[in-house]
Protein backbone atom coordinates (compact mmCIF):
# COMPACT_ATOMS: atom_id res chain seq x y z
CA MET A 1 64.68 32.26 -29.57
CA ASN A 2 67.42 31.17 -31.87
CA GLN A 3 67.26 33.42 -34.89
CA ALA A 4 68.72 30.61 -37.11
CA THR A 5 66.02 28.06 -36.28
CA GLN A 6 63.63 27.00 -39.26
CA TYR A 7 60.27 26.10 -38.01
CA GLN A 8 57.72 23.86 -39.43
CA PRO A 9 55.00 25.84 -41.25
CA ILE A 10 51.67 26.47 -39.47
CA MET A 11 48.47 26.59 -41.65
CA VAL A 12 45.05 27.92 -40.57
CA LEU A 13 42.24 26.02 -42.40
CA GLY A 14 38.46 26.73 -42.05
CA THR A 15 35.29 24.65 -41.77
CA GLY A 16 33.98 27.16 -44.15
CA SER A 17 34.15 30.83 -45.46
CA HIS A 18 34.34 33.70 -43.08
CA VAL A 19 35.32 31.81 -40.08
CA GLY A 20 38.19 34.06 -39.33
CA LYS A 21 41.15 32.52 -41.02
CA SER A 22 42.64 35.75 -42.41
CA VAL A 23 42.52 37.30 -38.76
CA LEU A 24 43.83 34.29 -37.03
CA VAL A 25 46.80 34.22 -39.49
CA MET A 26 47.19 38.14 -38.86
CA GLY A 27 47.27 37.53 -35.14
CA LEU A 28 49.57 34.72 -35.26
CA CYS A 29 52.09 36.67 -37.39
CA ARG A 30 52.17 39.34 -34.71
CA HIS A 31 52.30 36.86 -32.01
CA PHE A 32 55.38 35.05 -33.35
CA ARG A 33 56.98 38.43 -34.27
CA ARG A 34 56.77 39.40 -30.79
CA LEU A 35 58.58 36.32 -29.83
CA GLY A 36 61.48 37.46 -32.07
CA ILE A 37 60.68 34.96 -34.86
CA ASP A 38 61.13 36.06 -38.48
CA VAL A 39 57.60 35.10 -39.79
CA ALA A 40 55.64 35.65 -43.03
CA PRO A 41 52.23 34.90 -44.20
CA PHE A 42 51.46 32.83 -47.36
CA LYS A 43 48.03 32.21 -49.18
CA ALA A 44 48.39 30.37 -52.44
CA GLN A 45 45.12 31.42 -54.15
CA ASN A 46 42.99 34.32 -52.85
CA MET A 47 39.57 35.24 -54.15
CA ALA A 48 38.98 39.00 -53.13
CA LEU A 49 38.17 42.41 -54.54
CA ASN A 50 40.47 44.10 -51.88
CA SER A 51 43.96 44.14 -52.97
CA GLY A 52 47.20 46.03 -52.26
CA ILE A 53 50.50 46.67 -54.05
CA THR A 54 53.99 45.58 -53.28
CA PRO A 55 56.83 48.02 -53.49
CA GLU A 56 57.73 46.42 -56.88
CA GLY A 57 54.20 47.06 -58.25
CA HIS A 58 52.71 43.59 -57.89
CA GLU A 59 49.22 43.35 -56.83
CA ILE A 60 48.17 40.82 -53.99
CA GLY A 61 45.30 40.29 -51.73
CA ARG A 62 44.54 42.92 -49.05
CA ALA A 63 44.69 40.32 -46.22
CA GLN A 64 48.15 39.24 -47.18
CA VAL A 65 49.22 43.10 -47.10
CA SER A 66 47.76 43.21 -43.58
CA GLN A 67 49.25 40.03 -42.52
CA ALA A 68 52.61 41.21 -43.66
CA GLU A 69 52.27 44.42 -41.78
CA ALA A 70 51.49 42.40 -38.64
CA ALA A 71 54.67 40.38 -39.24
CA GLY A 72 56.60 43.62 -39.64
CA LEU A 73 57.31 43.09 -43.34
CA GLU A 74 56.87 44.81 -46.51
CA PRO A 75 54.27 42.74 -48.63
CA GLN A 76 55.87 40.31 -51.31
CA VAL A 77 54.21 38.94 -54.25
CA ASP A 78 55.43 35.36 -53.07
CA MET A 79 52.95 35.75 -50.22
CA ASN A 80 49.99 35.52 -52.63
CA PRO A 81 51.03 34.03 -56.09
CA ILE A 82 47.41 33.78 -57.32
CA LEU A 83 44.58 36.59 -56.78
CA LEU A 84 41.12 36.10 -58.27
CA LYS A 85 39.13 39.39 -58.62
CA PRO A 86 35.50 38.42 -59.43
CA THR A 87 34.08 40.48 -62.39
CA SER A 88 30.73 38.56 -62.49
CA GLN A 89 28.92 35.69 -60.96
CA VAL A 90 30.80 33.08 -63.16
CA GLY A 91 34.13 34.99 -64.03
CA SER A 92 37.18 36.53 -62.40
CA GLN A 93 40.27 38.49 -63.49
CA VAL A 94 43.27 36.21 -62.72
CA VAL A 95 46.27 37.90 -61.20
CA LEU A 96 49.29 35.62 -61.53
CA MET A 97 52.40 36.67 -59.54
CA GLY A 98 51.24 40.13 -59.10
CA LYS A 99 50.08 40.80 -62.78
CA ALA A 100 46.71 40.37 -64.44
CA ILE A 101 46.77 37.67 -67.18
CA GLY A 102 43.01 37.92 -68.10
CA ASN A 103 39.41 37.21 -67.33
CA TYR A 104 38.42 33.53 -66.93
CA GLN A 105 35.14 31.84 -66.32
CA GLY A 106 35.26 29.23 -63.62
CA LYS A 107 35.40 26.09 -65.90
CA ASP A 108 38.31 27.63 -67.96
CA TYR A 109 40.37 28.53 -64.66
CA TYR A 110 39.82 24.89 -63.37
CA LYS A 111 41.61 23.77 -66.55
CA LEU A 112 44.40 26.25 -65.96
CA LYS A 113 44.87 25.29 -62.10
CA PRO A 114 47.01 22.15 -62.64
CA LYS A 115 49.64 24.15 -64.43
CA LEU A 116 49.66 26.69 -61.44
CA VAL A 117 50.98 24.14 -58.89
CA LYS A 118 54.61 24.75 -59.79
CA THR A 119 54.24 28.57 -59.57
CA VAL A 120 52.59 28.27 -56.21
CA MET A 121 55.18 25.95 -54.83
CA GLY A 122 58.06 28.03 -56.27
CA ALA A 123 56.59 31.09 -54.37
CA PHE A 124 56.21 29.16 -51.12
CA ARG A 125 59.64 27.73 -51.25
CA ARG A 126 61.27 31.12 -52.03
CA LEU A 127 59.24 32.69 -49.20
CA GLN A 128 60.40 29.83 -46.78
CA GLY A 129 63.95 30.34 -47.75
CA ARG A 130 63.93 33.95 -46.74
CA HIS A 131 62.05 33.42 -43.32
CA GLN A 132 62.16 31.22 -40.23
CA LEU A 133 58.37 30.51 -40.04
CA ILE A 134 55.63 30.72 -42.77
CA VAL A 135 51.98 30.83 -41.43
CA LEU A 136 49.67 29.81 -44.17
CA GLU A 137 46.05 30.48 -44.81
CA GLY A 138 43.42 28.34 -46.49
CA ALA A 139 40.32 29.23 -48.48
CA GLY A 140 36.70 28.60 -47.70
CA SER A 141 35.92 25.16 -46.44
CA CYS A 142 39.12 22.99 -46.53
CA VAL A 143 37.03 19.84 -47.42
CA GLU A 144 35.11 20.65 -50.61
CA LEU A 145 35.34 17.30 -52.17
CA ASN A 146 34.29 18.28 -55.80
CA LEU A 147 37.19 20.74 -55.86
CA LYS A 148 39.83 18.72 -54.14
CA LYS A 149 41.39 17.29 -57.20
CA ASN A 150 42.77 20.73 -58.28
CA ASP A 151 43.03 22.39 -54.96
CA LEU A 152 45.94 24.66 -54.56
CA VAL A 153 45.24 26.19 -51.24
CA ASN A 154 43.74 23.88 -48.52
CA LEU A 155 44.79 20.48 -47.44
CA PRO A 156 46.91 19.58 -50.50
CA MET A 157 48.85 22.84 -49.89
CA ALA A 158 49.19 21.87 -46.32
CA LYS A 159 50.61 18.31 -47.28
CA LYS A 160 53.11 19.93 -49.75
CA ALA A 161 54.18 22.47 -47.28
CA GLY A 162 54.59 19.93 -44.47
CA ALA A 163 52.37 22.16 -42.23
CA ARG A 164 50.84 21.72 -38.91
CA VAL A 165 47.18 22.63 -39.31
CA ILE A 166 44.95 24.59 -37.04
CA LEU A 167 41.20 24.01 -38.05
CA ALA A 168 39.06 27.14 -37.36
CA ALA A 169 35.26 26.91 -36.87
CA ASP A 170 32.72 29.76 -36.46
CA ILE A 171 30.31 29.15 -33.59
CA ASP A 172 28.31 32.42 -34.12
CA ALA A 173 27.11 30.91 -37.51
CA GLY A 174 25.61 27.96 -35.61
CA GLY A 175 26.25 24.30 -36.27
CA VAL A 176 29.71 24.08 -34.78
CA PHE A 177 29.72 20.41 -33.97
CA ALA A 178 28.72 19.57 -37.52
CA GLN A 179 31.25 22.10 -38.93
CA VAL A 180 34.17 20.63 -36.87
CA ILE A 181 33.30 16.95 -36.66
CA GLY A 182 32.05 16.79 -40.26
CA SER A 183 35.04 18.54 -41.60
CA LEU A 184 37.54 16.02 -39.84
CA LYS A 185 35.43 13.04 -40.92
CA LEU A 186 35.72 14.08 -44.52
CA MET A 187 39.41 14.14 -44.38
CA THR A 188 41.62 11.23 -45.18
CA PRO A 189 43.44 9.70 -42.28
CA ALA A 190 46.63 11.27 -43.45
CA GLU A 191 45.05 14.65 -43.75
CA ARG A 192 43.65 14.22 -40.05
CA LYS A 193 47.25 13.62 -38.81
CA LEU A 194 48.18 17.18 -40.09
CA VAL A 195 45.62 18.79 -37.70
CA ALA A 196 47.32 19.94 -34.45
CA GLY A 197 44.33 21.59 -32.92
CA ILE A 198 41.05 23.34 -33.37
CA VAL A 199 40.06 26.86 -32.72
CA ILE A 200 36.25 27.75 -31.78
CA ASN A 201 36.02 31.42 -33.07
CA LYS A 202 33.59 34.26 -32.60
CA PHE A 203 31.97 33.15 -29.21
CA ARG A 204 29.35 35.44 -27.59
CA GLY A 205 28.42 35.13 -23.86
CA ASP A 206 30.03 33.32 -20.83
CA PRO A 207 32.85 30.86 -21.99
CA ALA A 208 31.94 28.45 -19.18
CA LEU A 209 28.76 27.69 -20.99
CA PHE A 210 30.72 25.90 -23.73
CA LYS A 211 33.16 24.04 -21.50
CA GLU A 212 31.33 20.84 -21.97
CA GLY A 213 31.01 21.53 -25.67
CA MET A 214 34.88 21.73 -26.04
CA ALA A 215 35.17 18.54 -24.11
CA ILE A 216 32.84 16.86 -26.55
CA ILE A 217 34.64 18.07 -29.67
CA GLU A 218 37.96 16.98 -28.09
CA LYS A 219 36.61 13.49 -27.39
CA LYS A 220 34.79 12.89 -30.76
CA CYS A 221 37.69 14.32 -32.73
CA ALA A 222 40.49 13.14 -30.72
CA LYS A 223 42.20 16.53 -31.22
CA PRO A 224 42.89 19.29 -28.78
CA VAL A 225 40.79 22.35 -28.73
CA LEU A 226 43.29 25.15 -28.54
CA GLY A 227 40.74 27.60 -27.32
CA LEU A 228 37.45 29.60 -27.37
CA LEU A 229 37.94 32.91 -29.04
CA PRO A 230 35.49 35.36 -28.01
CA LEU A 231 33.89 37.76 -30.72
CA PHE A 232 35.40 41.15 -30.51
CA THR A 233 34.10 44.49 -31.62
CA ASP A 234 36.74 46.77 -30.05
CA ILE A 235 39.72 45.71 -32.57
CA ARG A 236 39.61 47.44 -35.86
CA LEU A 237 41.24 45.38 -38.67
CA PRO A 238 41.14 45.65 -42.48
CA GLN A 239 38.44 43.47 -43.98
CA GLU A 240 39.35 40.73 -46.63
CA ASP A 241 36.20 41.04 -48.69
CA GLY A 242 32.71 42.20 -48.95
CA VAL A 243 31.21 39.58 -46.71
CA ALA A 244 31.21 41.50 -43.60
CA LEU A 245 29.48 44.53 -45.34
CA GLU A 246 26.87 42.35 -46.81
CA ARG A 247 26.15 40.85 -43.48
CA GLY A 248 25.93 44.22 -41.79
CA GLU A 249 28.92 43.89 -39.66
CA LEU A 250 30.61 47.12 -40.59
CA THR A 251 29.00 49.97 -38.81
CA GLY A 252 30.18 53.54 -38.12
CA SER A 253 30.00 55.20 -34.74
CA ALA A 254 28.10 58.37 -34.24
CA GLY A 255 29.95 61.56 -35.14
CA VAL A 256 29.51 65.11 -36.25
CA VAL A 257 30.63 64.52 -39.80
CA ARG A 258 28.24 62.36 -41.68
CA ILE A 259 29.83 60.34 -44.63
CA GLY A 260 28.02 57.94 -46.90
CA VAL A 261 29.82 55.34 -49.11
CA VAL A 262 27.81 54.06 -51.97
CA HIS A 263 27.70 50.25 -51.60
CA LEU A 264 28.48 49.66 -55.53
CA SER A 265 28.34 46.15 -57.09
CA HIS A 266 31.58 44.53 -57.11
CA ILE A 267 32.81 47.03 -54.71
CA SER A 268 36.72 46.96 -54.45
CA ASN A 269 39.25 48.34 -51.85
CA TYR A 270 36.72 49.70 -49.42
CA THR A 271 39.64 49.58 -46.90
CA ASP A 272 40.18 52.97 -48.39
CA PHE A 273 37.68 54.29 -45.82
CA ASP A 274 38.99 52.47 -42.62
CA ALA A 275 40.84 55.46 -41.62
CA LEU A 276 37.88 57.73 -41.94
CA ASP A 277 35.66 55.19 -40.08
CA ALA A 278 38.29 55.14 -37.27
CA GLU A 279 37.79 58.84 -36.64
CA GLU A 280 35.47 59.67 -33.60
CA ALA A 281 34.21 62.71 -35.47
CA VAL A 282 32.88 60.51 -38.38
CA GLU A 283 29.61 58.77 -38.59
CA MET A 284 29.96 56.59 -41.63
CA SER A 285 27.22 54.74 -43.41
CA TRP A 286 26.88 52.49 -46.43
CA ILE A 287 24.30 53.69 -49.18
CA ASP A 288 22.23 51.48 -51.22
CA ASP A 289 18.99 53.54 -51.38
CA PRO A 290 18.19 57.20 -52.47
CA GLY A 291 16.71 57.95 -49.04
CA GLN A 292 19.94 57.44 -47.28
CA ILE A 293 21.72 60.28 -49.11
CA ALA A 294 19.91 63.31 -47.52
CA GLY A 295 21.77 65.17 -44.80
CA LEU A 296 25.21 63.65 -45.68
CA ASP A 297 28.33 65.95 -45.48
CA LEU A 298 30.11 63.96 -47.95
CA LEU A 299 29.21 61.27 -50.46
CA ILE A 300 31.93 58.85 -51.67
CA LEU A 301 31.80 56.69 -54.80
CA PRO A 302 34.32 53.85 -54.17
CA GLY A 303 36.28 51.59 -56.45
CA THR A 304 34.59 48.83 -58.26
CA LYS A 305 35.96 45.87 -60.31
CA ASN A 306 33.43 46.46 -63.20
CA THR A 307 32.62 50.09 -63.73
CA LEU A 308 29.87 49.70 -66.43
CA ALA A 309 28.04 47.05 -64.19
CA ALA A 310 28.41 49.47 -61.22
CA LEU A 311 26.82 52.31 -63.31
CA ALA A 312 23.86 49.95 -64.27
CA TRP A 313 23.58 49.10 -60.49
CA LEU A 314 23.24 52.84 -59.82
CA LYS A 315 20.45 53.29 -62.37
CA GLN A 316 18.65 50.17 -61.16
CA ARG A 317 18.57 51.46 -57.57
CA ASP A 318 17.55 54.98 -58.79
CA LEU A 319 20.87 56.16 -57.22
CA PHE A 320 22.15 57.62 -60.57
CA GLN A 321 19.72 60.50 -60.50
CA ALA A 322 19.70 60.73 -56.56
CA VAL A 323 23.65 61.32 -56.62
CA LYS A 324 23.21 63.99 -59.36
CA ALA A 325 20.43 65.65 -57.32
CA TYR A 326 22.56 65.73 -54.24
CA TYR A 327 25.33 67.40 -56.03
CA SER A 328 23.12 70.06 -57.56
CA LEU A 329 21.79 70.83 -54.15
CA GLY A 330 25.41 71.76 -53.00
CA GLY A 331 26.57 68.16 -51.85
CA ARG A 332 30.28 67.21 -51.87
CA ILE A 333 31.32 64.25 -53.70
CA LEU A 334 34.62 62.07 -53.75
CA GLY A 335 35.22 59.50 -56.33
CA LEU A 336 38.02 56.91 -55.91
CA CYS A 337 39.24 54.85 -58.90
CA GLY A 338 36.10 53.29 -60.27
CA GLY A 339 34.20 55.90 -58.47
CA TYR A 340 36.23 58.61 -60.28
CA GLN A 341 35.33 56.98 -63.59
CA LEU A 342 31.55 57.04 -62.72
CA LEU A 343 31.85 60.69 -62.15
CA GLY A 344 32.98 61.51 -65.58
CA ARG A 345 30.96 62.10 -68.77
CA SER A 346 31.57 58.78 -70.41
CA ILE A 347 32.93 55.23 -69.65
CA ALA A 348 33.86 52.97 -72.56
CA ASP A 349 35.04 49.43 -72.54
CA PRO A 350 35.41 48.58 -76.35
CA GLN A 351 37.56 45.41 -75.67
CA GLY A 352 35.35 43.85 -72.85
CA VAL A 353 38.35 44.48 -70.26
CA GLU A 354 35.97 44.22 -67.41
CA GLY A 355 32.93 42.69 -68.83
CA PRO A 356 30.84 42.75 -71.99
CA PRO A 357 32.02 45.57 -74.35
CA GLY A 358 29.97 48.72 -74.12
CA ARG A 359 29.93 52.47 -73.58
CA GLU A 360 27.75 54.44 -71.45
CA ASP A 361 27.39 57.97 -70.22
CA GLY A 362 28.48 58.72 -66.72
CA LEU A 363 27.16 60.99 -64.01
CA GLY A 364 28.76 64.07 -65.79
CA LEU A 365 29.97 65.75 -62.56
CA LEU A 366 33.53 65.69 -63.84
CA ASP A 367 34.57 66.89 -67.43
CA ILE A 368 36.36 63.73 -68.14
CA GLU A 369 36.16 60.46 -70.29
CA THR A 370 37.39 57.05 -69.42
CA VAL A 371 38.45 54.09 -71.78
CA MET A 372 39.32 50.65 -70.41
CA ALA A 373 42.29 49.59 -72.34
CA GLY A 374 45.96 48.64 -72.15
CA GLU A 375 47.80 47.10 -69.30
CA LYS A 376 46.61 47.29 -65.82
CA THR A 377 48.16 49.93 -63.76
CA THR A 378 49.69 48.65 -60.37
CA THR A 379 52.06 50.89 -58.53
CA ARG A 380 52.75 52.74 -55.43
CA VAL A 381 52.98 56.56 -55.64
CA SER A 382 53.96 59.65 -53.78
CA ALA A 383 52.15 62.91 -54.46
CA ARG A 384 51.34 66.27 -53.41
CA CYS A 385 48.20 68.42 -53.37
CA LEU A 386 47.52 70.94 -56.18
CA PRO A 387 45.71 74.28 -55.42
CA GLU A 388 42.59 73.10 -57.26
CA LEU A 389 42.00 70.50 -54.61
CA PRO A 390 39.44 72.08 -52.16
CA PHE A 391 41.01 70.21 -49.21
CA ALA A 392 44.62 70.58 -50.19
CA CYS A 393 47.29 70.00 -47.53
CA GLN A 394 51.12 70.44 -47.22
CA GLY A 395 53.72 67.80 -47.51
CA GLU A 396 54.13 64.48 -49.34
CA LEU A 397 51.46 61.86 -49.70
CA SER A 398 51.47 58.29 -50.22
CA GLY A 399 48.99 56.02 -51.98
CA TYR A 400 48.69 53.33 -54.77
CA GLU A 401 47.06 52.73 -58.00
CA ILE A 402 45.10 49.63 -59.31
CA HIS A 403 43.25 50.21 -62.41
CA MET A 404 42.66 49.15 -66.03
CA GLY A 405 41.04 52.47 -67.42
CA GLN A 406 42.59 55.65 -68.51
CA SER A 407 40.91 58.88 -67.87
CA ARG A 408 41.48 62.33 -69.85
CA PRO A 409 39.99 65.81 -69.30
CA LEU A 410 37.63 66.97 -72.02
CA GLY A 411 37.73 70.63 -71.24
CA GLU A 412 39.78 72.73 -68.81
CA ASP A 413 42.19 70.66 -66.85
CA ARG A 414 41.88 70.94 -63.09
CA PRO A 415 44.08 68.14 -61.56
CA ALA A 416 43.84 67.31 -57.87
CA PHE A 417 47.31 65.99 -57.29
CA ARG A 418 50.81 65.93 -58.66
CA LEU A 419 52.50 62.56 -58.84
CA LEU A 420 56.14 62.79 -57.69
CA SER A 421 57.16 59.25 -57.94
CA ARG A 422 55.61 56.08 -59.46
CA LEU A 423 57.05 53.00 -61.33
CA GLU A 424 58.28 53.98 -64.81
CA LEU A 425 57.50 57.69 -64.10
CA THR A 426 60.24 59.71 -65.63
CA SER A 427 58.80 63.16 -64.74
CA GLU A 428 56.07 64.59 -62.50
CA LEU A 429 52.52 63.88 -63.72
CA ASP A 430 49.21 65.46 -62.85
CA GLU A 431 46.51 63.07 -61.53
CA GLY A 432 42.91 63.22 -60.71
CA GLN A 433 40.22 65.97 -61.44
CA VAL A 434 38.30 68.61 -59.49
CA SER A 435 35.05 69.99 -60.86
CA ALA A 436 34.50 73.69 -61.84
CA GLU A 437 32.45 74.32 -58.76
CA GLY A 438 35.09 72.59 -56.51
CA ARG A 439 32.53 70.20 -54.95
CA ALA A 440 33.35 66.93 -56.82
CA VAL A 441 36.81 65.39 -56.71
CA GLY A 442 38.07 62.26 -58.46
CA THR A 443 41.32 60.37 -58.34
CA TYR A 444 42.86 56.96 -59.08
CA LEU A 445 44.85 57.09 -55.72
CA HIS A 446 43.87 54.37 -53.23
CA GLY A 447 45.13 54.80 -49.63
CA ILE A 448 45.17 58.43 -50.05
CA LEU A 449 42.74 59.02 -46.82
CA ASP A 450 45.35 57.01 -44.65
CA ASN A 451 47.49 60.38 -44.87
CA ASP A 452 46.76 62.12 -41.72
CA GLN A 453 46.97 65.75 -42.76
CA LEU A 454 44.85 65.09 -45.93
CA ARG A 455 42.20 63.24 -43.99
CA ALA A 456 41.86 66.21 -41.51
CA ALA A 457 41.74 68.76 -44.45
CA LEU A 458 38.99 66.73 -46.10
CA LEU A 459 36.78 66.59 -42.85
CA SER A 460 37.40 70.40 -42.45
CA TRP A 461 36.22 70.98 -45.92
CA VAL A 462 33.00 69.05 -45.70
CA ARG A 463 32.03 70.62 -42.47
CA GLY A 464 33.06 74.16 -43.66
CA GLY A 465 35.82 74.48 -41.24
CA GLY A 466 37.12 73.27 -37.76
CA ASP A 467 40.04 71.23 -36.47
CA PHE A 468 39.68 67.52 -37.37
CA SER A 469 43.04 66.28 -36.45
CA GLY A 470 41.67 63.71 -33.79
CA LEU A 471 43.45 60.59 -35.36
CA ALA A 472 46.78 62.19 -35.72
CA ASP A 473 48.92 58.96 -36.66
CA TYR A 474 46.80 56.43 -38.50
CA ALA A 475 49.81 54.20 -39.19
CA ALA A 476 50.60 53.84 -35.41
CA TYR A 477 46.77 53.23 -34.67
CA GLN A 478 46.91 50.36 -37.29
CA ASP A 479 49.89 48.87 -35.71
CA GLN A 480 48.31 49.09 -32.36
CA GLN A 481 45.42 47.04 -33.58
CA TYR A 482 47.64 44.11 -34.48
CA ASP A 483 49.12 44.03 -31.04
CA LEU A 484 45.51 44.03 -29.60
CA LEU A 485 44.71 41.18 -31.74
CA ALA A 486 47.85 39.28 -30.61
CA ASP A 487 46.82 40.03 -27.02
CA HIS A 488 43.57 38.66 -27.69
CA LEU A 489 44.88 35.31 -29.15
CA GLU A 490 47.35 34.99 -26.42
CA ARG A 491 44.69 35.44 -23.73
CA HIS A 492 42.22 32.89 -25.05
CA LEU A 493 44.30 30.25 -27.10
CA ASN A 494 46.75 27.80 -25.88
CA LEU A 495 49.67 28.54 -28.34
CA GLU A 496 52.25 26.56 -26.49
CA GLY A 497 53.54 23.67 -28.64
CA LEU A 498 52.60 25.02 -31.94
CA LEU A 499 56.39 25.65 -32.77
CA ALA A 500 58.32 22.73 -33.98
CA PRO A 501 61.76 22.90 -35.71
CA LEU A 502 61.73 22.05 -39.47
CA GLU A 503 63.19 18.62 -39.76
CA GLY A 504 65.64 17.89 -42.72
């Protein structure tokens, strides 16, 4: 390939939510990278509670971080200029160009959207100027007629970008003919011209049985079907949001170490546990009922976008007392970010940063208090373990922080980690907290379990000893999954002809 060639953008749109757009973009990024093309992902507006941090400390959607990894790039804020993080059924925190600008109800955000077009297009043009090919991702259904006027992310974005569109449909959800034919019928003639082909995703069974179906779609749509993608279960990829968890699609394999993760309301960054789930020794389950806690080797409280709401959820499900009882009987608990805050004595949100103002007592397993205030912390960090950490390991660790609250010890300070580097950090800083009994640990550090030595030490701790270094290189394992995904696309899709030189 000519490395100087600029290519017409490619955009993956969907007939609905959860049809596989993020995964298709991920696979296309790895496919084109393997062809020697400098490719980058782009999503104008993402709504997700899973996010990641760029080297500059900007927060973007976790899907775009994974897509960048598949493309062999560091994530950049221009890849996802707008991120919406739901805080309630009707409102979200708006993250613009990597920084939180406030909480907006839907009607107020819609008023703001027309002003954001310039920001979105500026990010896209900068990204396009740095790379040969941009693979864009849409959001939800691409033909929501009531939202089209102020749409930043679907067909209007495809038109502005001059992109060739792939329309993805989910056959596993049923109604695939209505999905595809209906979506195309609702497009204007000019929009239909942008569609270069159709992908039928998540097929189960013998592909020969849908050969006639593909021919029907091609005839009625006058568009080529690029292929029938079988549903896969052998490729482990980071999930975009909580939909897969809610549908019961995330299930751990049997293992000798039983770990439960509490399925908090507004759960965020649950990709923190992907590395644990990939360990053959681990049997991971999602907890939403007190009866599921018995027999666990480790209970994890994950991050949440609204800590006080998550606390109320724990009490409504009778999990508040169940978690305390589990600990009193000798159980081990790890709290990450919002889960760390829940382990403390109190959580206060006097300014209504995450939701309605309020203050509540926490689980009281760590001697800390948390106040939601100040600017949002978004930064990558390097750290090392401190002796108080019951699963301490040697060497430098990497992770990242995304949180609004600040936590401080009320009694004896028993920090878990020492931060060595962080944005605006002028000297080393203690982080996290360990209970006096050494069985509850809390930290603001996301991604900390991706570190191989720490993960092995954690598993050894919760099982009372043993060698748990089975997954010795999680970074290499992740990278292998992107190659397996690209293999899957190349095996089942006709990708020839998608590339076209950018005119003008």
